[in-house]
Amino acid sequence: MSASSSASTGNGIARFILYTLLALFCVYYLLPLYVMVVNSLKPLSEITSGGMMSLPETLTFAPWQSAWSQAQVGVEATGLRPYFINSIQMVVPAVALSTLLGALNGYVLTKWPFRGSTILFGLLLFGCFIPFQIVLIPMARMLGLMGLAGSVPGLIFVHLVYGIGFSTLYFRNYYAAFPTELVRAAQIDGAGFFTIFWRILLPSSGPIAVVCIIWQFTNIWNDFLFGASFSDFDSQPMTVALNNLVQSSTGVKEYNVHFAGAIMAALPTLLVYIVAGRYFVRGLMAGSVKG
């Protein structure tokens, strides 16, 4: 057997072992999702009889219906639907505003620097690493003074303030690699501050905007602490309502309903990553880790 044949055989064995290990890790990682899906489609009697890992003998969507519109949450049988709507109403404006303001901040810090701009960027960057627990009391006080306590607009404001630091970081590093000569040429042609931003910088910001949107959407949708701290019963986001759904069960736990509710809460972020995950990686490679 030649040396090249031996090397080829060795590479084939190594590749087989690697792919086998990756497949095992993939199965291990996806096992909780499998358990959630199959048990959300079973009657409760099948789960309590010890068949948690088996496929449903009787396929039913009643747990999904119960979690969505009839499950016991708090003191009223309202289901997760109104809280899902609360999360949508909170996430969409918070993500849009924080992304737009981050883009504007990154534009100013890179193409219109001023005295102290580096210090300002450092303070914004420092704000990214402040633990959530530290700001609970000051933020609650501010929301009370602004008349936004216990409301969806209040949650939008909280996530907007906390998200500006991350979005500014992304866009500042992306715009740092953008040719300043184009901005100066536009100025010579008579373009103003906002004209340059809207017509030159922003149209070229697609990759980093996707990164920022996915990052912000995931963090805001999955947040529990701010939702539990700054909302009342009518303005609770999906994560808080899901916790209340699980905790409110008395007697026999309705695991199938809980699994269905958990999948509902996870579906939006899962869909975002399925649809735009590859653009997230491309955006990171395009400049968000530079600077």
C-alpha atoms as a PDB file:
ATOM      1  CA  MET A   1       0.000   0.000   0.000  1.00  0.00           C
ATOM      2  CA  SER A   2       1.434   3.378  -0.987  1.00  0.00           C
ATOM      3  CA  ALA A   3       1.939   6.280   1.406  1.00  0.00           C
ATOM      4  CA  SER A   4      -0.774   8.297  -0.313  1.00  0.00           C
ATOM      5  CA  SER A   5      -3.285   5.454   0.085  1.00  0.00           C
ATOM      6  CA  SER A   6      -2.448   5.109   3.784  1.00  0.00           C
ATOM      7  CA  ALA A   7      -2.846   8.851   4.311  1.00  0.00           C
ATOM      8  CA  SER A   8      -6.180   8.818   2.488  1.00  0.00           C
ATOM      9  CA  THR A   9      -7.419   5.900   4.618  1.00  0.00           C
ATOM     10  CA  GLY A  10      -6.291   7.657   7.792  1.00  0.00           C
ATOM     11  CA  ASN A  11      -8.054  10.848   6.772  1.00  0.00           C
ATOM     12  CA  GLY A  12     -11.226   8.901   6.023  1.00  0.00           C
ATOM     13  CA  ILE A  13     -11.202   7.240   9.464  1.00  0.00           C
ATOM     14  CA  ALA A  14     -10.546  10.572  11.199  1.00  0.00           C
ATOM     15  CA  ARG A  15     -13.377  12.196   9.252  1.00  0.00           C
ATOM     16  CA  PHE A  16     -15.742   9.344  10.148  1.00  0.00           C
ATOM     17  CA  ILE A  17     -14.906   9.665  13.855  1.00  0.00           C
ATOM     18  CA  LEU A  18     -15.323  13.435  13.731  1.00  0.00           C
ATOM     19  CA  TYR A  19     -18.700  13.261  12.011  1.00  0.00           C
ATOM     20  CA  THR A  20     -19.859  10.536  14.395  1.00  0.00           C
ATOM     21  CA  LEU A  21     -18.965  12.681  17.403  1.00  0.00           C
ATOM     22  CA  LEU A  22     -20.680  15.704  15.865  1.00  0.00           C
ATOM     23  CA  ALA A  23     -23.809  13.647  15.210  1.00  0.00           C
ATOM     24  CA  LEU A  24     -23.848  12.432  18.823  1.00  0.00           C
ATOM     25  CA  PHE A  25     -23.455  15.975  20.130  1.00  0.00           C
ATOM     26  CA  CYS A  26     -26.239  17.105  17.816  1.00  0.00           C
ATOM     27  CA  VAL A  27     -28.585  14.389  19.067  1.00  0.00           C
ATOM     28  CA  TYR A  28     -27.718  15.227  22.679  1.00  0.00           C
ATOM     29  CA  TYR A  29     -28.324  18.914  22.065  1.00  0.00           C
ATOM     30  CA  LEU A  30     -31.656  18.376  20.289  1.00  0.00           C
ATOM     31  CA  LEU A  31     -32.996  15.790  22.740  1.00  0.00           C
ATOM     32  CA  PRO A  32     -34.727  18.369  25.002  1.00  0.00           C
ATOM     33  CA  LEU A  33     -36.455  19.857  21.962  1.00  0.00           C
ATOM     34  CA  TYR A  34     -37.635  16.385  20.937  1.00  0.00           C
ATOM     35  CA  VAL A  35     -39.034  15.761  24.428  1.00  0.00           C
ATOM     36  CA  MET A  36     -40.865  19.092  24.403  1.00  0.00           C
ATOM     37  CA  VAL A  37     -42.399  18.588  20.957  1.00  0.00           C
ATOM     38  CA  VAL A  38     -43.589  14.981  21.375  1.00  0.00           C
ATOM     39  CA  ASN A  39     -45.004  15.585  24.860  1.00  0.00           C
ATOM     40  CA  SER A  40     -46.827  18.728  23.752  1.00  0.00           C
ATOM     41  CA  LEU A  41     -48.759  16.517  21.330  1.00  0.00           C
ATOM     42  CA  LYS A  42     -49.787  13.863  23.892  1.00  0.00           C
ATOM     43  CA  PRO A  43     -52.660  13.583  26.337  1.00  0.00           C
ATOM     44  CA  LEU A  44     -51.514  14.042  29.908  1.00  0.00           C
ATOM     45  CA  SER A  45     -52.314  10.398  30.703  1.00  0.00           C
ATOM     46  CA  GLU A  46     -49.600   9.180  28.320  1.00  0.00           C
ATOM     47  CA  ILE A  47     -46.981  11.372  30.015  1.00  0.00           C
ATOM     48  CA  THR A  48     -47.914  10.400  33.568  1.00  0.00           C
ATOM     49  CA  SER A  49     -47.844   6.721  32.638  1.00  0.00           C
ATOM     50  CA  GLY A  50     -44.106   6.982  31.950  1.00  0.00           C
ATOM     51  CA  GLY A  51     -44.077   7.444  28.193  1.00  0.00           C
ATOM     52  CA  MET A  52     -42.212  10.742  28.045  1.00  0.00           C
ATOM     53  CA  MET A  53     -39.647   9.606  25.456  1.00  0.00           C
ATOM     54  CA  SER A  54     -42.028   7.705  23.188  1.00  0.00           C
ATOM     55  CA  LEU A  55     -43.931   9.094  20.239  1.00  0.00           C
ATOM     56  CA  PRO A  56     -47.603  10.010  20.851  1.00  0.00           C
ATOM     57  CA  GLU A  57     -50.029   7.110  20.691  1.00  0.00           C
ATOM     58  CA  THR A  58     -52.906   9.588  20.445  1.00  0.00           C
ATOM     59  CA  LEU A  59     -51.986  12.759  18.610  1.00  0.00           C
ATOM     60  CA  THR A  60     -53.709  15.835  20.043  1.00  0.00           C
ATOM     61  CA  PHE A  61     -53.321  19.604  19.697  1.00  0.00           C
ATOM     62  CA  ALA A  62     -55.446  20.318  22.755  1.00  0.00           C
ATOM     63  CA  PRO A  63     -52.395  21.259  24.892  1.00  0.00           C
ATOM     64  CA  TRP A  64     -51.442  23.907  22.323  1.00  0.00           C
ATOM     65  CA  GLN A  65     -54.955  25.304  22.305  1.00  0.00           C
ATOM     66  CA  SER A  66     -55.042  25.296  26.083  1.00  0.00           C
ATOM     67  CA  ALA A  67     -51.681  27.060  26.393  1.00  0.00           C
ATOM     68  CA  TRP A  68     -52.628  29.635  23.776  1.00  0.00           C
ATOM     69  CA  SER A  69     -56.131  30.611  24.813  1.00  0.00           C
ATOM     70  CA  GLN A  70     -57.492  28.667  27.757  1.00  0.00           C
ATOM     71  CA  ALA A  71     -54.663  27.976  30.211  1.00  0.00           C
ATOM     72  CA  GLN A  72     -54.886  29.187  33.763  1.00  0.00           C
ATOM     73  CA  VAL A  73     -52.604  32.205  34.186  1.00  0.00           C
ATOM     74  CA  GLY A  74     -52.828  34.073  37.473  1.00  0.00           C
ATOM     75  CA  VAL A  75     -56.500  34.299  38.370  1.00  0.00           C
ATOM     76  CA  GLU A  76     -57.995  34.420  34.878  1.00  0.00           C
ATOM     77  CA  ALA A  77     -58.137  31.756  32.188  1.00  0.00           C
ATOM     78  CA  THR A  78     -56.678  33.901  29.403  1.00  0.00           C
ATOM     79  CA  GLY A  79     -53.837  31.817  27.974  1.00  0.00           C
ATOM     80  CA  LEU A  80     -50.619  33.111  26.483  1.00  0.00           C
ATOM     81  CA  ARG A  81     -52.098  34.947  23.498  1.00  0.00           C
ATOM     82  CA  PRO A  82     -52.371  38.455  25.025  1.00  0.00           C
ATOM     83  CA  TYR A  83     -48.856  38.177  26.457  1.00  0.00           C
ATOM     84  CA  PHE A  84     -47.491  37.052  23.109  1.00  0.00           C
ATOM     85  CA  ILE A  85     -48.990  40.230  21.656  1.00  0.00           C
ATOM     86  CA  ASN A  86     -47.396  42.230  24.490  1.00  0.00           C
ATOM     87  CA  SER A  87     -44.006  40.792  23.586  1.00  0.00           C
ATOM     88  CA  ILE A  88     -44.469  41.672  19.912  1.00  0.00           C
ATOM     89  CA  GLN A  89     -45.525  45.212  20.826  1.00  0.00           C
ATOM     90  CA  MET A  90     -42.460  45.495  23.053  1.00  0.00           C
ATOM     91  CA  VAL A  91     -39.840  43.867  20.831  1.00  0.00           C
ATOM     92  CA  VAL A  92     -40.562  45.476  17.449  1.00  0.00           C
ATOM     93  CA  PRO A  93     -40.236  49.162  18.465  1.00  0.00           C
ATOM     94  CA  ALA A  94     -37.404  48.479  20.923  1.00  0.00           C
ATOM     95  CA  VAL A  95     -35.350  46.658  18.284  1.00  0.00           C
ATOM     96  CA  ALA A  96     -36.118  49.223  15.564  1.00  0.00           C
ATOM     97  CA  LEU A  97     -35.308  52.258  17.717  1.00  0.00           C
ATOM     98  CA  SER A  98     -32.158  50.820  19.296  1.00  0.00           C
ATOM     99  CA  THR A  99     -30.863  49.763  15.868  1.00  0.00           C
ATOM    100  CA  LEU A 100     -31.552  53.151  14.313  1.00  0.00           C
ATOM    101  CA  LEU A 101     -30.037  55.086  17.229  1.00  0.00           C
ATOM    102  CA  GLY A 102     -27.028  52.755  17.289  1.00  0.00           C
ATOM    103  CA  ALA A 103     -26.472  53.382  13.585  1.00  0.00           C
ATOM    104  CA  LEU A 104     -26.703  57.133  14.127  1.00  0.00           C
ATOM    105  CA  ASN A 105     -24.311  56.972  17.086  1.00  0.00           C
ATOM    106  CA  GLY A 106     -21.824  54.871  15.136  1.00  0.00           C
ATOM    107  CA  TYR A 107     -22.012  57.346  12.260  1.00  0.00           C
ATOM    108  CA  VAL A 108     -21.309  60.323  14.516  1.00  0.00           C
ATOM    109  CA  LEU A 109     -18.505  58.630  16.461  1.00  0.00           C
ATOM    110  CA  THR A 110     -16.620  57.573  13.316  1.00  0.00           C
ATOM    111  CA  LYS A 111     -17.352  60.233  10.683  1.00  0.00           C
ATOM    112  CA  TRP A 112     -18.100  63.287  12.829  1.00  0.00           C
ATOM    113  CA  PRO A 113     -15.821  62.863  15.865  1.00  0.00           C
ATOM    114  CA  PHE A 114     -15.825  65.599  18.470  1.00  0.00           C
ATOM    115  CA  ARG A 115     -13.912  66.370  21.613  1.00  0.00           C
ATOM    116  CA  GLY A 116     -14.721  63.674  24.158  1.00  0.00           C
ATOM    117  CA  SER A 117     -16.266  61.297  21.620  1.00  0.00           C
ATOM    118  CA  THR A 118     -13.840  58.542  22.620  1.00  0.00           C
ATOM    119  CA  ILE A 119     -14.806  58.960  26.276  1.00  0.00           C
ATOM    120  CA  LEU A 120     -18.486  58.906  25.350  1.00  0.00           C
ATOM    121  CA  PHE A 121     -18.029  55.684  23.405  1.00  0.00           C
ATOM    122  CA  GLY A 122     -16.168  54.175  26.360  1.00  0.00           C
ATOM    123  CA  LEU A 123     -19.083  55.047  28.663  1.00  0.00           C
ATOM    124  CA  LEU A 124     -21.568  53.487  26.240  1.00  0.00           C
ATOM    125  CA  LEU A 125     -19.385  50.402  26.061  1.00  0.00           C
ATOM    126  CA  PHE A 126     -19.185  50.291  29.857  1.00  0.00           C
ATOM    127  CA  GLY A 127     -22.975  50.351  29.998  1.00  0.00           C
ATOM    128  CA  CYS A 128     -23.070  47.050  28.107  1.00  0.00           C
ATOM    129  CA  PHE A 129     -21.481  45.273  31.069  1.00  0.00           C
ATOM    130  CA  ILE A 130     -23.575  46.714  33.906  1.00  0.00           C
ATOM    131  CA  PRO A 131     -25.515  43.832  35.521  1.00  0.00           C
ATOM    132  CA  PHE A 132     -29.278  44.069  35.184  1.00  0.00           C
ATOM    133  CA  GLN A 133     -29.800  43.798  38.931  1.00  0.00           C
ATOM    134  CA  ILE A 134     -27.936  47.043  39.615  1.00  0.00           C
ATOM    135  CA  VAL A 135     -30.325  49.188  37.576  1.00  0.00           C
ATOM    136  CA  LEU A 136     -33.624  47.747  38.861  1.00  0.00           C
ATOM    137  CA  ILE A 137     -34.282  50.305  41.600  1.00  0.00           C
ATOM    138  CA  PRO A 138     -33.059  53.410  39.684  1.00  0.00           C
ATOM    139  CA  MET A 139     -34.952  52.318  36.578  1.00  0.00           C
ATOM    140  CA  ALA A 140     -38.138  51.671  38.558  1.00  0.00           C
ATOM    141  CA  ARG A 141     -37.831  55.178  40.009  1.00  0.00           C
ATOM    142  CA  MET A 142     -37.341  56.715  36.562  1.00  0.00           C
ATOM    143  CA  LEU A 143     -40.290  54.827  35.083  1.00  0.00           C
ATOM    144  CA  GLY A 144     -42.466  56.049  37.948  1.00  0.00           C
ATOM    145  CA  LEU A 145     -41.427  59.670  37.400  1.00  0.00           C
ATOM    146  CA  MET A 146     -42.077  59.339  33.651  1.00  0.00           C
ATOM    147  CA  GLY A 147     -45.475  57.690  34.154  1.00  0.00           C
ATOM    148  CA  LEU A 148     -44.396  54.526  32.327  1.00  0.00           C
ATOM    149  CA  ALA A 149     -44.357  52.065  35.229  1.00  0.00           C
ATOM    150  CA  GLY A 150     -46.201  48.805  34.619  1.00  0.00           C
ATOM    151  CA  SER A 151     -46.726  49.414  30.898  1.00  0.00           C
ATOM    152  CA  VAL A 152     -45.485  48.137  27.550  1.00  0.00           C
ATOM    153  CA  PRO A 153     -44.010  51.574  26.636  1.00  0.00           C
ATOM    154  CA  GLY A 154     -42.054  51.401  29.883  1.00  0.00           C
ATOM    155  CA  LEU A 155     -40.565  48.045  28.882  1.00  0.00           C
ATOM    156  CA  ILE A 156     -39.744  49.476  25.444  1.00  0.00           C
ATOM    157  CA  PHE A 157     -37.886  52.349  27.106  1.00  0.00           C
ATOM    158  CA  VAL A 158     -35.926  50.000  29.391  1.00  0.00           C
ATOM    159  CA  HIS A 159     -34.775  47.753  26.548  1.00  0.00           C
ATOM    160  CA  LEU A 160     -34.036  50.753  24.336  1.00  0.00           C
ATOM    161  CA  VAL A 161     -31.745  52.264  26.955  1.00  0.00           C
ATOM    162  CA  TYR A 162     -29.987  48.973  27.594  1.00  0.00           C
ATOM    163  CA  GLY A 163     -29.662  48.155  23.884  1.00  0.00           C
ATOM    164  CA  ILE A 164     -28.129  51.413  22.681  1.00  0.00           C
ATOM    165  CA  GLY A 165     -24.691  50.465  24.003  1.00  0.00           C
ATOM    166  CA  PHE A 166     -24.567  47.196  22.040  1.00  0.00           C
ATOM    167  CA  SER A 167     -25.998  48.675  18.843  1.00  0.00           C
ATOM    168  CA  THR A 168     -23.563  51.597  19.008  1.00  0.00           C
ATOM    169  CA  LEU A 169     -20.671  49.173  19.425  1.00  0.00           C
ATOM    170  CA  TYR A 170     -21.711  47.170  16.370  1.00  0.00           C
ATOM    171  CA  PHE A 171     -22.245  50.146  14.063  1.00  0.00           C
ATOM    172  CA  ARG A 172     -19.242  52.109  15.305  1.00  0.00           C
ATOM    173  CA  ASN A 173     -16.892  49.222  14.502  1.00  0.00           C
ATOM    174  CA  TYR A 174     -18.590  48.654  11.149  1.00  0.00           C
ATOM    175  CA  TYR A 175     -18.460  52.305  10.113  1.00  0.00           C
ATOM    176  CA  ALA A 176     -14.831  52.614  11.212  1.00  0.00           C
ATOM    177  CA  ALA A 177     -13.899  50.547   8.141  1.00  0.00           C
ATOM    178  CA  PHE A 178     -16.126  52.620   5.842  1.00  0.00           C
ATOM    179  CA  PRO A 179     -14.114  54.990   3.584  1.00  0.00           C
ATOM    180  CA  THR A 180     -14.197  58.464   5.092  1.00  0.00           C
ATOM    181  CA  GLU A 181     -13.310  59.876   1.674  1.00  0.00           C
ATOM    182  CA  LEU A 182     -16.846  59.098   0.463  1.00  0.00           C
ATOM    183  CA  VAL A 183     -18.288  61.155   3.289  1.00  0.00           C
ATOM    184  CA  ARG A 184     -15.962  64.055   2.567  1.00  0.00           C
ATOM    185  CA  ALA A 185     -16.772  63.884  -1.157  1.00  0.00           C
ATOM    186  CA  ALA A 186     -20.485  64.017  -0.359  1.00  0.00           C
ATOM    187  CA  GLN A 187     -19.881  67.063   1.830  1.00  0.00           C
ATOM    188  CA  ILE A 188     -18.084  68.802  -1.044  1.00  0.00           C
ATOM    189  CA  ASP A 189     -21.104  68.062  -3.251  1.00  0.00           C
ATOM    190  CA  GLY A 190     -23.327  69.799  -0.722  1.00  0.00           C
ATOM    191  CA  ALA A 191     -24.758  66.819   1.170  1.00  0.00           C
ATOM    192  CA  GLY A 192     -25.619  67.503   4.786  1.00  0.00           C
ATOM    193  CA  PHE A 193     -25.335  65.442   7.942  1.00  0.00           C
ATOM    194  CA  PHE A 194     -28.563  63.456   7.603  1.00  0.00           C
ATOM    195  CA  THR A 195     -28.376  63.210   3.818  1.00  0.00           C
ATOM    196  CA  ILE A 196     -25.017  61.440   4.068  1.00  0.00           C
ATOM    197  CA  PHE A 197     -26.389  59.146   6.754  1.00  0.00           C
ATOM    198  CA  TRP A 198     -29.610  58.191   4.937  1.00  0.00           C
ATOM    199  CA  ARG A 199     -28.249  57.908   1.412  1.00  0.00           C
ATOM    200  CA  ILE A 200     -24.674  56.665   1.882  1.00  0.00           C
ATOM    201  CA  LEU A 201     -24.056  55.047   5.280  1.00  0.00           C
ATOM    202  CA  LEU A 202     -27.402  53.444   6.068  1.00  0.00           C
ATOM    203  CA  PRO A 203     -27.979  51.711   2.675  1.00  0.00           C
ATOM    204  CA  SER A 204     -24.595  49.976   3.061  1.00  0.00           C
ATOM    205  CA  SER A 205     -25.316  48.824   6.623  1.00  0.00           C
ATOM    206  CA  GLY A 206     -27.386  45.738   5.815  1.00  0.00           C
ATOM    207  CA  PRO A 207     -24.959  43.102   7.192  1.00  0.00           C
ATOM    208  CA  ILE A 208     -24.371  44.809  10.528  1.00  0.00           C
ATOM    209  CA  ALA A 209     -28.034  45.808  10.842  1.00  0.00           C
ATOM    210  CA  VAL A 210     -28.986  42.110  10.640  1.00  0.00           C
ATOM    211  CA  VAL A 211     -26.485  41.321  13.397  1.00  0.00           C
ATOM    212  CA  CYS A 212     -27.885  44.060  15.593  1.00  0.00           C
ATOM    213  CA  ILE A 213     -31.516  43.120  14.952  1.00  0.00           C
ATOM    214  CA  ILE A 214     -30.977  39.433  15.705  1.00  0.00           C
ATOM    215  CA  TRP A 215     -28.961  40.211  18.839  1.00  0.00           C
ATOM    216  CA  GLN A 216     -31.491  42.711  20.149  1.00  0.00           C
ATOM    217  CA  PHE A 217     -34.516  40.613  19.230  1.00  0.00           C
ATOM    218  CA  THR A 218     -33.121  37.562  21.018  1.00  0.00           C
ATOM    219  CA  ASN A 219     -32.150  39.445  24.172  1.00  0.00           C
ATOM    220  CA  ILE A 220     -35.380  41.398  24.452  1.00  0.00           C
ATOM    221  CA  TRP A 221     -37.710  38.501  23.654  1.00  0.00           C
ATOM    222  CA  ASN A 222     -35.978  36.150  26.109  1.00  0.00           C
ATOM    223  CA  ASP A 223     -35.684  38.704  28.914  1.00  0.00           C
ATOM    224  CA  PHE A 224     -37.397  37.748  32.135  1.00  0.00           C
ATOM    225  CA  LEU A 225     -35.951  40.053  34.817  1.00  0.00           C
ATOM    226  CA  PHE A 226     -37.052  43.371  33.349  1.00  0.00           C
ATOM    227  CA  GLY A 227     -40.428  41.933  32.369  1.00  0.00           C
ATOM    228  CA  ALA A 228     -41.051  40.622  35.877  1.00  0.00           C
ATOM    229  CA  SER A 229     -39.810  43.845  37.509  1.00  0.00           C
ATOM    230  CA  PHE A 230     -41.383  46.593  35.391  1.00  0.00           C
ATOM    231  CA  SER A 231     -44.699  45.174  34.146  1.00  0.00           C
ATOM    232  CA  ASP A 232     -48.106  44.634  35.682  1.00  0.00           C
ATOM    233  CA  PHE A 233     -50.517  41.805  34.905  1.00  0.00           C
ATOM    234  CA  ASP A 234     -51.835  43.347  31.692  1.00  0.00           C
ATOM    235  CA  SER A 235     -48.417  44.279  30.253  1.00  0.00           C
ATOM    236  CA  GLN A 236     -46.440  41.124  31.051  1.00  0.00           C
ATOM    237  CA  PRO A 237     -44.294  39.738  28.228  1.00  0.00           C
ATOM    238  CA  MET A 238     -44.390  36.136  27.078  1.00  0.00           C
ATOM    239  CA  THR A 239     -41.578  34.889  29.326  1.00  0.00           C
ATOM    240  CA  VAL A 240     -43.229  36.136  32.508  1.00  0.00           C
ATOM    241  CA  ALA A 241     -46.620  34.752  31.485  1.00  0.00           C
ATOM    242  CA  LEU A 242     -45.032  31.372  30.749  1.00  0.00           C
ATOM    243  CA  ASN A 243     -43.532  31.285  34.226  1.00  0.00           C
ATOM    244  CA  ASN A 244     -46.918  32.166  35.699  1.00  0.00           C
ATOM    245  CA  LEU A 245     -48.524  29.424  33.624  1.00  0.00           C
ATOM    246  CA  VAL A 246     -46.190  26.813  35.084  1.00  0.00           C
ATOM    247  CA  GLN A 247     -46.349  28.145  38.635  1.00  0.00           C
ATOM    248  CA  SER A 248     -50.130  28.529  38.695  1.00  0.00           C
ATOM    249  CA  SER A 249     -50.775  24.828  38.096  1.00  0.00           C
ATOM    250  CA  THR A 250     -52.140  23.172  41.218  1.00  0.00           C
ATOM    251  CA  GLY A 251     -52.548  19.476  41.833  1.00  0.00           C
ATOM    252  CA  VAL A 252     -51.582  17.512  38.730  1.00  0.00           C
ATOM    253  CA  LYS A 253     -49.058  19.378  36.596  1.00  0.00           C
ATOM    254  CA  GLU A 254     -50.187  19.749  32.993  1.00  0.00           C
ATOM    255  CA  TYR A 255     -46.806  19.001  31.469  1.00  0.00           C
ATOM    256  CA  ASN A 256     -48.155  18.819  27.945  1.00  0.00           C
ATOM    257  CA  VAL A 257     -49.582  22.345  28.248  1.00  0.00           C
ATOM    258  CA  HIS A 258     -46.324  23.596  29.773  1.00  0.00           C
ATOM    259  CA  PHE A 259     -44.274  22.094  26.951  1.00  0.00           C
ATOM    260  CA  ALA A 260     -46.575  23.649  24.348  1.00  0.00           C
ATOM    261  CA  GLY A 261     -46.285  27.045  26.020  1.00  0.00           C
ATOM    262  CA  ALA A 262     -42.490  26.787  26.191  1.00  0.00           C
ATOM    263  CA  ILE A 263     -42.313  26.001  22.462  1.00  0.00           C
ATOM    264  CA  MET A 264     -44.560  28.964  21.695  1.00  0.00           C
ATOM    265  CA  ALA A 265     -42.251  31.226  23.678  1.00  0.00           C
ATOM    266  CA  ALA A 266     -39.168  29.908  21.860  1.00  0.00           C
ATOM    267  CA  LEU A 267     -40.574  29.842  18.306  1.00  0.00           C
ATOM    268  CA  PRO A 268     -39.988  33.516  17.364  1.00  0.00           C
ATOM    269  CA  THR A 269     -36.275  33.490  18.177  1.00  0.00           C
ATOM    270  CA  LEU A 270     -35.908  30.048  16.587  1.00  0.00           C
ATOM    271  CA  LEU A 271     -37.533  31.268  13.379  1.00  0.00           C
ATOM    272  CA  VAL A 272     -35.364  34.389  13.338  1.00  0.00           C
ATOM    273  CA  TYR A 273     -32.195  32.304  13.517  1.00  0.00           C
ATOM    274  CA  ILE A 274     -33.446  29.824  10.915  1.00  0.00           C
ATOM    275  CA  VAL A 275     -34.315  32.593   8.458  1.00  0.00           C
ATOM    276  CA  ALA A 276     -31.448  35.011   9.139  1.00  0.00           C
ATOM    277  CA  GLY A 277     -28.796  32.973  10.942  1.00  0.00           C
ATOM    278  CA  ARG A 278     -26.421  32.871   7.984  1.00  0.00           C
ATOM    279  CA  TYR A 279     -26.676  36.648   7.618  1.00  0.00           C
ATOM    280  CA  PHE A 280     -25.761  36.965  11.300  1.00  0.00           C
ATOM    281  CA  VAL A 281     -22.437  35.224  10.679  1.00  0.00           C
ATOM    282  CA  ARG A 282     -21.836  37.228   7.509  1.00  0.00           C
ATOM    283  CA  GLY A 283     -22.518  40.447   9.367  1.00  0.00           C
ATOM    284  CA  LEU A 284     -20.033  39.584  12.069  1.00  0.00           C
ATOM    285  CA  MET A 285     -17.402  38.819   9.466  1.00  0.00           C
ATOM    286  CA  ALA A 286     -18.210  42.026   7.607  1.00  0.00           C
ATOM    287  CA  GLY A 287     -16.944  44.246  10.369  1.00  0.00           C
ATOM    288  CA  SER A 288     -18.768  44.071  13.661  1.00  0.00           C
ATOM    289  CA  VAL A 289     -15.754  42.528  15.382  1.00  0.00           C
ATOM    290  CA  LYS A 290     -13.317  45.055  13.948  1.00  0.00           C
ATOM    291  CA  GLY A 291     -12.241  48.359  15.407  1.00  0.00           C
END
